[in-house]
Amino acid sequence: MRMNRMLRMSRRDVLLAGMGAAVVSVTAHAAEPPEASAPGVADAAQFLTLSLRLTDRETLSPAIGNALYARIVQAVPERKEQISRLHALLQQKHFESAQALAKAAEQVDPVFRDVIHDIMTGWYRGVAAQKVVVYRSALMFDITKDAVYPKTYATGGPFYWTSKPPEVPLPTGEPGLSPSKFVVEPT
C-alpha cells in the first residue's frame, strides 16, 4: 500500500515538475553562447554605412539594418563576404552618390549588382530573401508618406481623397545599375 501511494502523482506534483523542467531549460538556453550566424557589431556597422550611401540618406534605423543584414546573410551566406568587399570599395574611394557607387561596384565585380539589389530591396520593400522583415517602416512608404499610407486602416479623415494631394517633384537622374530580372510577387 505504501509503494502505491509513492508512485501516485497528484496534479500539484505534475505542475511543479513541469515548472521545474521549464526553468532548467530556460536557464540552460540562456547560458549558451550566441549563435554563430548572428551578425557581429562590425558587420552590422559596415552594412549600415553601405546602406546609408546606397540609399543616399543621412539616417537609417540600426535595428532594421541588423534585421535585414541577418536575413540576407542567413539566406545567402556568401553575401557576408561580398558585403564586406563592397564596403571596402566604398572606403577606398569617396563616392558622391549611390549611383556612382553602384556603377563603380558593378564594374569591379558583376556580382555586386545582385548584392546592391538585395540591400535596396531590403530597405525599400522591407523584404529580404523573400521574407518580410519590416513593413510599416519600409522606405517605399517614405516617398508618399504625406499622401498615401501603407495598406492598413485609413489615417485620413472623412473624404480625405477629395482634397488635392501635395505636389511631388518628378524624379531626376539615371539608374545606377543595369536592369535586373523583374519579379512579380503574388499579393
N, C-alpha and C. Protein backbone atom coordinates (compact mmCIF):
# COMPACT_ATOMS: atom_id res chain seq x y z
N MET A 1 0.81 -1.19 0.00
CA MET A 1 0.00 0.00 0.00
C MET A 1 0.86 1.26 0.00
N ARG A 2 1.93 1.24 0.77
CA ARG A 2 2.79 2.40 0.85
C ARG A 2 3.46 2.69 -0.50
N MET A 3 3.91 1.68 -1.21
CA MET A 3 4.53 1.83 -2.53
C MET A 3 3.55 2.42 -3.53
N ASN A 4 2.31 2.01 -3.47
CA ASN A 4 1.27 2.52 -4.36
C ASN A 4 1.10 4.02 -4.17
N ARG A 5 1.13 4.45 -2.93
CA ARG A 5 0.97 5.87 -2.64
C ARG A 5 2.17 6.68 -3.16
N MET A 6 3.35 6.12 -3.12
CA MET A 6 4.55 6.82 -3.58
C MET A 6 4.58 6.95 -5.11
N LEU A 7 4.03 5.99 -5.81
CA LEU A 7 4.04 6.04 -7.26
C LEU A 7 2.94 6.93 -7.83
N ARG A 8 1.95 7.20 -7.04
CA ARG A 8 0.85 8.04 -7.49
C ARG A 8 1.29 9.51 -7.48
N MET A 9 0.96 10.25 -8.54
CA MET A 9 1.32 11.67 -8.61
C MET A 9 0.06 12.51 -8.61
N SER A 10 0.09 13.56 -7.86
CA SER A 10 -1.05 14.48 -7.84
C SER A 10 -0.85 15.54 -8.93
N ARG A 11 -1.87 16.29 -9.18
CA ARG A 11 -1.78 17.39 -10.15
C ARG A 11 -0.70 18.38 -9.73
N ARG A 12 -0.61 18.62 -8.45
CA ARG A 12 0.38 19.55 -7.93
C ARG A 12 1.79 19.06 -8.26
N ASP A 13 2.03 17.76 -8.10
CA ASP A 13 3.35 17.20 -8.41
C ASP A 13 3.69 17.35 -9.89
N VAL A 14 2.72 17.10 -10.75
CA VAL A 14 2.93 17.24 -12.19
C VAL A 14 3.22 18.69 -12.54
N LEU A 15 2.46 19.61 -11.96
CA LEU A 15 2.65 21.03 -12.23
C LEU A 15 4.03 21.49 -11.76
N LEU A 16 4.43 21.11 -10.57
CA LEU A 16 5.75 21.50 -10.05
C LEU A 16 6.88 20.91 -10.90
N ALA A 17 6.73 19.66 -11.32
CA ALA A 17 7.75 19.03 -12.16
C ALA A 17 7.86 19.75 -13.50
N GLY A 18 6.72 20.12 -14.09
CA GLY A 18 6.73 20.84 -15.36
C GLY A 18 7.37 22.21 -15.24
N MET A 19 7.05 22.93 -14.17
CA MET A 19 7.65 24.25 -13.96
C MET A 19 9.15 24.14 -13.74
N GLY A 20 9.57 23.12 -13.01
CA GLY A 20 10.99 22.91 -12.79
C GLY A 20 11.73 22.63 -14.08
N ALA A 21 11.15 21.80 -14.93
CA ALA A 21 11.77 21.49 -16.22
C ALA A 21 11.86 22.73 -17.09
N ALA A 22 10.82 23.57 -17.06
CA ALA A 22 10.83 24.80 -17.85
C ALA A 22 11.93 25.74 -17.38
N VAL A 23 12.09 25.89 -16.08
CA VAL A 23 13.13 26.77 -15.53
C VAL A 23 14.51 26.26 -15.92
N VAL A 24 14.73 24.96 -15.81
CA VAL A 24 16.02 24.38 -16.16
C VAL A 24 16.33 24.60 -17.64
N SER A 25 15.35 24.40 -18.52
CA SER A 25 15.61 24.55 -19.95
C SER A 25 15.86 26.01 -20.32
N VAL A 26 15.16 26.94 -19.68
CA VAL A 26 15.37 28.36 -19.98
C VAL A 26 16.74 28.81 -19.51
N THR A 27 17.13 28.44 -18.31
CA THR A 27 18.45 28.86 -17.82
C THR A 27 19.58 28.19 -18.59
N ALA A 28 19.38 26.96 -19.02
CA ALA A 28 20.40 26.29 -19.82
C ALA A 28 20.55 26.97 -21.17
N HIS A 29 19.43 27.38 -21.77
CA HIS A 29 19.48 28.06 -23.07
C HIS A 29 20.12 29.44 -22.94
N ALA A 30 19.87 30.12 -21.83
CA ALA A 30 20.44 31.45 -21.62
C ALA A 30 21.94 31.38 -21.44
N ALA A 31 22.46 30.28 -20.94
CA ALA A 31 23.89 30.14 -20.70
C ALA A 31 24.66 29.80 -21.97
N GLU A 32 23.97 29.40 -23.04
CA GLU A 32 24.64 29.05 -24.29
C GLU A 32 25.22 30.29 -24.95
N PRO A 33 26.36 30.15 -25.67
CA PRO A 33 26.91 31.31 -26.38
C PRO A 33 25.97 31.71 -27.52
N PRO A 34 26.04 32.98 -27.96
CA PRO A 34 25.16 33.40 -29.05
C PRO A 34 25.45 32.63 -30.33
N GLU A 35 24.46 32.59 -31.19
CA GLU A 35 24.56 31.86 -32.45
C GLU A 35 25.68 32.42 -33.32
N ALA A 36 26.36 31.55 -34.03
CA ALA A 36 27.44 31.99 -34.91
C ALA A 36 26.91 32.80 -36.08
N SER A 37 25.66 32.57 -36.48
CA SER A 37 25.11 33.27 -37.63
C SER A 37 24.59 34.66 -37.28
N ALA A 38 24.56 35.00 -35.98
CA ALA A 38 24.09 36.34 -35.60
C ALA A 38 25.11 37.36 -36.10
N PRO A 39 24.61 38.49 -36.62
CA PRO A 39 25.54 39.46 -37.18
C PRO A 39 26.42 40.08 -36.10
N GLY A 40 27.71 40.23 -36.41
CA GLY A 40 28.61 40.89 -35.50
C GLY A 40 28.40 42.40 -35.55
N VAL A 41 28.89 43.07 -34.53
CA VAL A 41 28.71 44.53 -34.45
C VAL A 41 29.42 45.20 -35.63
N ALA A 42 30.62 44.74 -35.95
CA ALA A 42 31.37 45.34 -37.05
C ALA A 42 30.68 45.09 -38.39
N ASP A 43 30.16 43.88 -38.59
CA ASP A 43 29.46 43.56 -39.84
C ASP A 43 28.21 44.42 -39.99
N ALA A 44 27.46 44.57 -38.91
CA ALA A 44 26.24 45.38 -38.95
C ALA A 44 26.58 46.84 -39.20
N ALA A 45 27.67 47.32 -38.63
CA ALA A 45 28.09 48.72 -38.86
C ALA A 45 28.48 48.92 -40.32
N GLN A 46 29.19 47.96 -40.90
CA GLN A 46 29.54 48.05 -42.32
C GLN A 46 28.28 48.07 -43.18
N PHE A 47 27.33 47.20 -42.85
CA PHE A 47 26.09 47.13 -43.62
C PHE A 47 25.33 48.46 -43.54
N LEU A 48 25.28 49.05 -42.36
CA LEU A 48 24.57 50.32 -42.19
C LEU A 48 25.27 51.44 -42.95
N THR A 49 26.60 51.50 -42.89
CA THR A 49 27.35 52.51 -43.63
C THR A 49 27.11 52.37 -45.13
N LEU A 50 27.17 51.15 -45.60
CA LEU A 50 26.91 50.87 -47.01
C LEU A 50 25.49 51.24 -47.39
N SER A 51 24.54 50.93 -46.54
CA SER A 51 23.13 51.24 -46.79
C SER A 51 22.89 52.74 -46.85
N LEU A 52 23.54 53.49 -45.97
CA LEU A 52 23.39 54.95 -45.98
C LEU A 52 23.83 55.52 -47.32
N ARG A 53 24.95 55.03 -47.85
CA ARG A 53 25.43 55.53 -49.14
C ARG A 53 24.52 55.08 -50.27
N LEU A 54 24.08 53.83 -50.25
CA LEU A 54 23.25 53.31 -51.34
C LEU A 54 21.86 53.93 -51.38
N THR A 55 21.35 54.34 -50.23
CA THR A 55 20.03 54.97 -50.20
C THR A 55 20.12 56.48 -50.26
N ASP A 56 21.34 57.02 -50.21
CA ASP A 56 21.57 58.47 -50.19
C ASP A 56 20.79 59.13 -49.05
N ARG A 57 20.83 58.50 -47.89
CA ARG A 57 20.15 59.04 -46.70
C ARG A 57 21.17 59.33 -45.62
N GLU A 58 20.77 60.25 -44.73
CA GLU A 58 21.66 60.60 -43.62
C GLU A 58 21.45 59.68 -42.43
N THR A 59 20.23 59.15 -42.28
CA THR A 59 19.95 58.25 -41.16
C THR A 59 19.10 57.07 -41.62
N LEU A 60 19.37 55.95 -41.01
CA LEU A 60 18.56 54.73 -41.19
C LEU A 60 18.50 54.05 -39.84
N SER A 61 17.50 53.24 -39.64
CA SER A 61 17.33 52.55 -38.36
C SER A 61 18.34 51.41 -38.22
N PRO A 62 19.19 51.47 -37.20
CA PRO A 62 20.13 50.36 -36.99
C PRO A 62 19.43 49.04 -36.69
N ALA A 63 18.30 49.09 -36.01
CA ALA A 63 17.57 47.85 -35.69
C ALA A 63 17.07 47.18 -36.97
N ILE A 64 16.52 47.98 -37.88
CA ILE A 64 16.06 47.43 -39.16
C ILE A 64 17.26 46.94 -39.97
N GLY A 65 18.35 47.70 -39.95
CA GLY A 65 19.56 47.30 -40.65
C GLY A 65 20.09 45.96 -40.16
N ASN A 66 20.12 45.77 -38.85
CA ASN A 66 20.57 44.49 -38.29
C ASN A 66 19.68 43.34 -38.73
N ALA A 67 18.37 43.57 -38.73
CA ALA A 67 17.43 42.52 -39.13
C ALA A 67 17.59 42.18 -40.61
N LEU A 68 17.74 43.21 -41.45
CA LEU A 68 17.92 42.97 -42.89
C LEU A 68 19.23 42.23 -43.15
N TYR A 69 20.30 42.69 -42.51
CA TYR A 69 21.60 42.06 -42.70
C TYR A 69 21.56 40.59 -42.28
N ALA A 70 20.98 40.33 -41.13
CA ALA A 70 20.91 38.95 -40.64
C ALA A 70 20.14 38.06 -41.61
N ARG A 71 19.05 38.56 -42.15
CA ARG A 71 18.22 37.76 -43.07
C ARG A 71 18.93 37.55 -44.40
N ILE A 72 19.58 38.59 -44.92
CA ILE A 72 20.29 38.48 -46.20
C ILE A 72 21.42 37.46 -46.08
N VAL A 73 22.20 37.56 -45.01
CA VAL A 73 23.34 36.65 -44.81
C VAL A 73 22.87 35.23 -44.49
N GLN A 74 21.75 35.11 -43.80
CA GLN A 74 21.22 33.78 -43.50
C GLN A 74 20.78 33.08 -44.78
N ALA A 75 20.17 33.83 -45.69
CA ALA A 75 19.66 33.24 -46.93
C ALA A 75 20.79 32.91 -47.90
N VAL A 76 21.76 33.81 -48.01
CA VAL A 76 22.88 33.62 -48.93
C VAL A 76 24.17 33.89 -48.14
N PRO A 77 24.80 32.87 -47.58
CA PRO A 77 25.99 33.07 -46.74
C PRO A 77 27.14 33.81 -47.43
N GLU A 78 27.24 33.70 -48.75
CA GLU A 78 28.31 34.39 -49.48
C GLU A 78 28.16 35.91 -49.39
N ARG A 79 26.95 36.37 -49.11
CA ARG A 79 26.69 37.82 -49.06
C ARG A 79 27.52 38.51 -47.98
N LYS A 80 27.83 37.79 -46.91
CA LYS A 80 28.61 38.40 -45.82
C LYS A 80 29.95 38.89 -46.36
N GLU A 81 30.65 38.04 -47.07
CA GLU A 81 31.95 38.40 -47.63
C GLU A 81 31.79 39.43 -48.74
N GLN A 82 30.74 39.30 -49.56
CA GLN A 82 30.51 40.25 -50.65
C GLN A 82 30.18 41.64 -50.11
N ILE A 83 29.40 41.70 -49.04
CA ILE A 83 29.08 42.99 -48.42
C ILE A 83 30.34 43.62 -47.84
N SER A 84 31.22 42.81 -47.25
CA SER A 84 32.49 43.33 -46.72
C SER A 84 33.35 43.89 -47.84
N ARG A 85 33.40 43.19 -48.97
CA ARG A 85 34.19 43.69 -50.11
C ARG A 85 33.59 44.97 -50.68
N LEU A 86 32.27 45.04 -50.75
CA LEU A 86 31.60 46.24 -51.25
C LEU A 86 31.85 47.41 -50.29
N HIS A 87 31.85 47.15 -49.01
CA HIS A 87 32.16 48.19 -48.02
C HIS A 87 33.60 48.66 -48.19
N ALA A 88 34.52 47.72 -48.44
CA ALA A 88 35.92 48.09 -48.66
C ALA A 88 36.05 49.00 -49.88
N LEU A 89 35.30 48.72 -50.93
CA LEU A 89 35.31 49.58 -52.12
C LEU A 89 34.80 50.97 -51.76
N LEU A 90 33.76 51.04 -50.96
CA LEU A 90 33.22 52.32 -50.52
C LEU A 90 34.26 53.11 -49.73
N GLN A 91 35.03 52.43 -48.90
CA GLN A 91 36.04 53.09 -48.08
C GLN A 91 37.25 53.55 -48.90
N GLN A 92 37.55 52.83 -50.00
CA GLN A 92 38.71 53.17 -50.82
C GLN A 92 38.55 54.50 -51.54
N LYS A 93 37.35 54.78 -51.97
CA LYS A 93 37.11 55.97 -52.79
C LYS A 93 35.86 56.67 -52.28
N HIS A 94 35.89 57.99 -52.29
CA HIS A 94 34.72 58.76 -51.85
C HIS A 94 33.75 58.88 -53.03
N PHE A 95 32.58 58.32 -52.87
CA PHE A 95 31.56 58.37 -53.92
C PHE A 95 30.56 59.46 -53.58
N GLU A 96 30.25 60.29 -54.55
CA GLU A 96 29.33 61.41 -54.35
C GLU A 96 27.88 60.97 -54.20
N SER A 97 27.54 59.83 -54.80
CA SER A 97 26.14 59.41 -54.78
C SER A 97 26.07 57.88 -54.83
N ALA A 98 24.86 57.40 -54.61
CA ALA A 98 24.61 55.96 -54.70
C ALA A 98 24.84 55.48 -56.13
N GLN A 99 24.47 56.31 -57.08
CA GLN A 99 24.63 55.95 -58.49
C GLN A 99 26.11 55.73 -58.82
N ALA A 100 26.97 56.62 -58.33
CA ALA A 100 28.40 56.49 -58.60
C ALA A 100 28.96 55.21 -57.97
N LEU A 101 28.55 54.92 -56.76
CA LEU A 101 28.99 53.69 -56.10
C LEU A 101 28.49 52.46 -56.85
N ALA A 102 27.24 52.47 -57.26
CA ALA A 102 26.66 51.31 -57.95
C ALA A 102 27.37 51.04 -59.27
N LYS A 103 27.64 52.10 -60.04
CA LYS A 103 28.33 51.92 -61.33
C LYS A 103 29.74 51.39 -61.12
N ALA A 104 30.46 51.96 -60.17
CA ALA A 104 31.83 51.50 -59.91
C ALA A 104 31.84 50.07 -59.39
N ALA A 105 30.92 49.75 -58.52
CA ALA A 105 30.85 48.39 -57.96
C ALA A 105 30.57 47.36 -59.03
N GLU A 106 29.66 47.68 -59.93
CA GLU A 106 29.32 46.73 -61.00
C GLU A 106 30.49 46.52 -61.94
N GLN A 107 31.32 47.55 -62.14
CA GLN A 107 32.50 47.40 -62.99
C GLN A 107 33.57 46.55 -62.30
N VAL A 108 33.70 46.70 -60.99
CA VAL A 108 34.69 45.92 -60.24
C VAL A 108 34.33 44.44 -60.22
N ASP A 109 33.08 44.15 -59.91
CA ASP A 109 32.63 42.76 -59.83
C ASP A 109 31.13 42.72 -60.15
N PRO A 110 30.74 42.03 -61.22
CA PRO A 110 29.31 41.99 -61.59
C PRO A 110 28.40 41.42 -60.51
N VAL A 111 28.92 40.61 -59.59
CA VAL A 111 28.08 40.06 -58.53
C VAL A 111 27.61 41.16 -57.56
N PHE A 112 28.33 42.27 -57.52
CA PHE A 112 27.93 43.38 -56.65
C PHE A 112 26.56 43.93 -57.04
N ARG A 113 26.18 43.77 -58.30
CA ARG A 113 24.85 44.23 -58.73
C ARG A 113 23.77 43.52 -57.92
N ASP A 114 23.91 42.20 -57.78
CA ASP A 114 22.92 41.43 -57.01
C ASP A 114 22.97 41.77 -55.52
N VAL A 115 24.16 42.04 -55.01
CA VAL A 115 24.29 42.42 -53.61
C VAL A 115 23.56 43.74 -53.37
N ILE A 116 23.77 44.70 -54.26
CA ILE A 116 23.12 46.01 -54.14
C ILE A 116 21.61 45.85 -54.27
N HIS A 117 21.16 45.01 -55.18
CA HIS A 117 19.72 44.77 -55.33
C HIS A 117 19.14 44.18 -54.04
N ASP A 118 19.85 43.25 -53.43
CA ASP A 118 19.37 42.66 -52.17
C ASP A 118 19.25 43.72 -51.08
N ILE A 119 20.25 44.57 -50.99
CA ILE A 119 20.25 45.62 -49.96
C ILE A 119 19.12 46.61 -50.22
N MET A 120 18.97 47.06 -51.46
CA MET A 120 17.94 48.05 -51.79
C MET A 120 16.54 47.46 -51.64
N THR A 121 16.37 46.21 -52.04
CA THR A 121 15.07 45.54 -51.87
C THR A 121 14.73 45.44 -50.39
N GLY A 122 15.73 45.14 -49.60
CA GLY A 122 15.51 45.05 -48.17
C GLY A 122 15.04 46.37 -47.57
N TRP A 123 15.74 47.44 -47.90
CA TRP A 123 15.38 48.74 -47.31
C TRP A 123 14.08 49.30 -47.87
N TYR A 124 13.92 49.25 -49.18
CA TYR A 124 12.74 49.91 -49.77
C TYR A 124 11.48 49.07 -49.69
N ARG A 125 11.59 47.77 -49.87
CA ARG A 125 10.39 46.93 -49.84
C ARG A 125 10.20 46.25 -48.49
N GLY A 126 11.24 46.23 -47.68
CA GLY A 126 11.14 45.58 -46.38
C GLY A 126 11.23 44.07 -46.47
N VAL A 127 11.71 43.57 -47.60
CA VAL A 127 11.77 42.13 -47.85
C VAL A 127 13.23 41.72 -48.05
N ALA A 128 13.64 40.68 -47.35
CA ALA A 128 14.97 40.12 -47.54
C ALA A 128 14.82 38.62 -47.71
N ALA A 129 15.37 38.11 -48.80
CA ALA A 129 15.29 36.68 -49.11
C ALA A 129 13.84 36.20 -49.11
N GLN A 130 12.98 36.96 -49.71
CA GLN A 130 11.56 36.66 -49.88
C GLN A 130 10.81 36.50 -48.56
N LYS A 131 11.31 37.11 -47.51
CA LYS A 131 10.64 37.13 -46.21
C LYS A 131 10.47 38.59 -45.79
N VAL A 132 9.31 38.92 -45.28
CA VAL A 132 9.06 40.29 -44.82
C VAL A 132 9.83 40.51 -43.51
N VAL A 133 10.68 41.52 -43.51
CA VAL A 133 11.46 41.87 -42.33
C VAL A 133 10.83 43.08 -41.65
N VAL A 134 10.40 44.04 -42.45
CA VAL A 134 9.77 45.25 -41.92
C VAL A 134 8.69 45.68 -42.90
N TYR A 135 7.59 46.23 -42.40
CA TYR A 135 6.51 46.63 -43.29
C TYR A 135 6.28 48.14 -43.21
N ARG A 136 5.79 48.59 -42.12
CA ARG A 136 5.40 50.00 -41.98
C ARG A 136 6.59 50.93 -42.17
N SER A 137 7.79 50.51 -41.78
CA SER A 137 8.96 51.37 -41.87
C SER A 137 9.77 51.17 -43.15
N ALA A 138 9.27 50.40 -44.10
CA ALA A 138 9.98 50.23 -45.37
C ALA A 138 10.08 51.59 -46.07
N LEU A 139 11.22 51.84 -46.70
CA LEU A 139 11.46 53.16 -47.30
C LEU A 139 10.53 53.47 -48.46
N MET A 140 9.90 52.47 -49.05
CA MET A 140 8.99 52.75 -50.17
C MET A 140 7.84 53.63 -49.72
N PHE A 141 7.50 53.60 -48.44
CA PHE A 141 6.39 54.41 -47.95
C PHE A 141 6.84 55.83 -47.60
N ASP A 142 8.15 56.06 -47.48
CA ASP A 142 8.65 57.41 -47.18
C ASP A 142 8.33 58.40 -48.28
N ILE A 143 8.39 57.95 -49.51
CA ILE A 143 8.20 58.83 -50.66
C ILE A 143 6.82 59.45 -50.66
N THR A 144 5.83 58.68 -50.28
CA THR A 144 4.44 59.16 -50.34
C THR A 144 3.79 59.26 -48.96
N LYS A 145 4.59 59.33 -47.91
CA LYS A 145 4.00 59.29 -46.56
C LYS A 145 3.09 60.48 -46.26
N ASP A 146 3.25 61.59 -46.98
CA ASP A 146 2.37 62.73 -46.75
C ASP A 146 1.05 62.60 -47.49
N ALA A 147 0.92 61.61 -48.37
CA ALA A 147 -0.31 61.49 -49.16
C ALA A 147 -0.93 60.10 -49.10
N VAL A 148 -0.12 59.07 -49.15
CA VAL A 148 -0.63 57.70 -49.19
C VAL A 148 0.04 56.91 -48.07
N TYR A 149 -0.75 56.17 -47.33
CA TYR A 149 -0.23 55.38 -46.23
C TYR A 149 -0.17 53.91 -46.62
N PRO A 150 0.65 53.14 -45.92
CA PRO A 150 0.67 51.70 -46.20
C PRO A 150 -0.71 51.09 -46.03
N LYS A 151 -0.91 49.96 -46.68
CA LYS A 151 -2.20 49.27 -46.60
C LYS A 151 -2.49 48.93 -45.14
N THR A 152 -3.35 49.68 -44.56
CA THR A 152 -3.77 49.49 -43.18
C THR A 152 -5.02 50.32 -42.99
N TYR A 153 -5.41 50.58 -41.80
CA TYR A 153 -6.59 51.42 -41.59
C TYR A 153 -6.31 52.82 -42.11
N ALA A 154 -7.30 53.45 -42.74
CA ALA A 154 -7.13 54.80 -43.28
C ALA A 154 -6.82 55.77 -42.16
N THR A 155 -5.80 56.60 -42.36
CA THR A 155 -5.43 57.56 -41.33
C THR A 155 -5.95 58.95 -41.64
N GLY A 156 -6.51 59.13 -42.83
CA GLY A 156 -7.09 60.43 -43.18
C GLY A 156 -8.50 60.54 -42.61
N GLY A 157 -9.00 61.77 -42.56
CA GLY A 157 -10.36 61.98 -42.08
C GLY A 157 -11.37 61.63 -43.15
N PRO A 158 -12.65 61.91 -42.88
CA PRO A 158 -13.69 61.62 -43.87
C PRO A 158 -13.43 62.40 -45.17
N PHE A 159 -13.59 61.75 -46.27
CA PHE A 159 -13.44 62.34 -47.61
C PHE A 159 -12.05 62.95 -47.84
N TYR A 160 -11.02 62.39 -47.21
CA TYR A 160 -9.67 62.94 -47.38
C TYR A 160 -9.22 62.89 -48.83
N TRP A 161 -9.79 62.00 -49.61
CA TRP A 161 -9.39 61.84 -51.01
C TRP A 161 -9.95 62.94 -51.90
N THR A 162 -10.85 63.77 -51.40
CA THR A 162 -11.44 64.82 -52.23
C THR A 162 -10.56 66.06 -52.31
N SER A 163 -9.61 66.21 -51.39
CA SER A 163 -8.72 67.38 -51.46
C SER A 163 -7.55 67.07 -52.39
N LYS A 164 -6.97 68.11 -52.92
CA LYS A 164 -5.87 67.96 -53.87
C LYS A 164 -4.62 67.46 -53.12
N PRO A 165 -3.97 66.41 -53.65
CA PRO A 165 -2.76 65.90 -52.98
C PRO A 165 -1.61 66.89 -53.14
N PRO A 166 -0.60 66.78 -52.29
CA PRO A 166 0.55 67.69 -52.41
C PRO A 166 1.32 67.43 -53.70
N GLU A 167 1.99 68.48 -54.16
CA GLU A 167 2.81 68.36 -55.37
C GLU A 167 4.04 67.50 -55.07
N VAL A 168 4.36 66.63 -56.00
CA VAL A 168 5.53 65.77 -55.87
C VAL A 168 6.43 66.04 -57.07
N PRO A 169 7.70 66.43 -56.83
CA PRO A 169 8.58 66.72 -57.96
C PRO A 169 8.89 65.45 -58.76
N LEU A 170 9.06 65.62 -60.06
CA LEU A 170 9.41 64.49 -60.92
C LEU A 170 10.82 64.02 -60.58
N PRO A 171 11.06 62.72 -60.61
CA PRO A 171 12.41 62.22 -60.33
C PRO A 171 13.39 62.63 -61.42
N THR A 172 14.62 62.87 -61.02
CA THR A 172 15.67 63.22 -61.97
C THR A 172 16.79 62.19 -61.84
N GLY A 173 17.64 62.15 -62.81
CA GLY A 173 18.77 61.24 -62.75
C GLY A 173 18.56 60.00 -63.59
N GLU A 174 19.58 59.17 -63.57
CA GLU A 174 19.57 57.94 -64.35
C GLU A 174 19.79 56.76 -63.40
N PRO A 175 19.40 55.56 -63.82
CA PRO A 175 19.62 54.41 -62.95
C PRO A 175 21.11 54.16 -62.74
N GLY A 176 21.46 53.68 -61.55
CA GLY A 176 22.85 53.41 -61.23
C GLY A 176 23.30 52.04 -61.66
N LEU A 177 22.37 51.11 -61.81
CA LEU A 177 22.71 49.74 -62.18
C LEU A 177 22.04 49.34 -63.48
N SER A 178 22.57 48.31 -64.07
CA SER A 178 21.90 47.76 -65.24
C SER A 178 20.62 47.06 -64.77
N PRO A 179 19.64 46.89 -65.66
CA PRO A 179 18.36 46.29 -65.25
C PRO A 179 18.53 44.87 -64.72
N SER A 180 17.69 44.53 -63.78
CA SER A 180 17.69 43.17 -63.25
C SER A 180 16.37 42.51 -63.60
N LYS A 181 16.30 41.22 -63.33
CA LYS A 181 15.10 40.46 -63.63
C LYS A 181 13.94 41.01 -62.81
N PHE A 182 12.82 41.30 -63.45
CA PHE A 182 11.64 41.82 -62.77
C PHE A 182 10.82 40.65 -62.27
N VAL A 183 10.55 40.63 -60.97
CA VAL A 183 9.80 39.54 -60.37
C VAL A 183 8.48 40.10 -59.87
N VAL A 184 7.39 39.54 -60.37
CA VAL A 184 6.07 39.93 -59.90
C VAL A 184 5.68 38.96 -58.79
N GLU A 185 5.46 39.52 -57.61
CA GLU A 185 5.10 38.68 -56.47
C GLU A 185 3.59 38.64 -56.33
N PRO A 186 3.06 37.50 -55.95
CA PRO A 186 1.61 37.44 -55.73
C PRO A 186 1.23 38.29 -54.52
N THR A 187 0.07 38.91 -54.60
CA THR A 187 -0.37 39.74 -53.47
C THR A 187 -1.50 39.08 -52.74
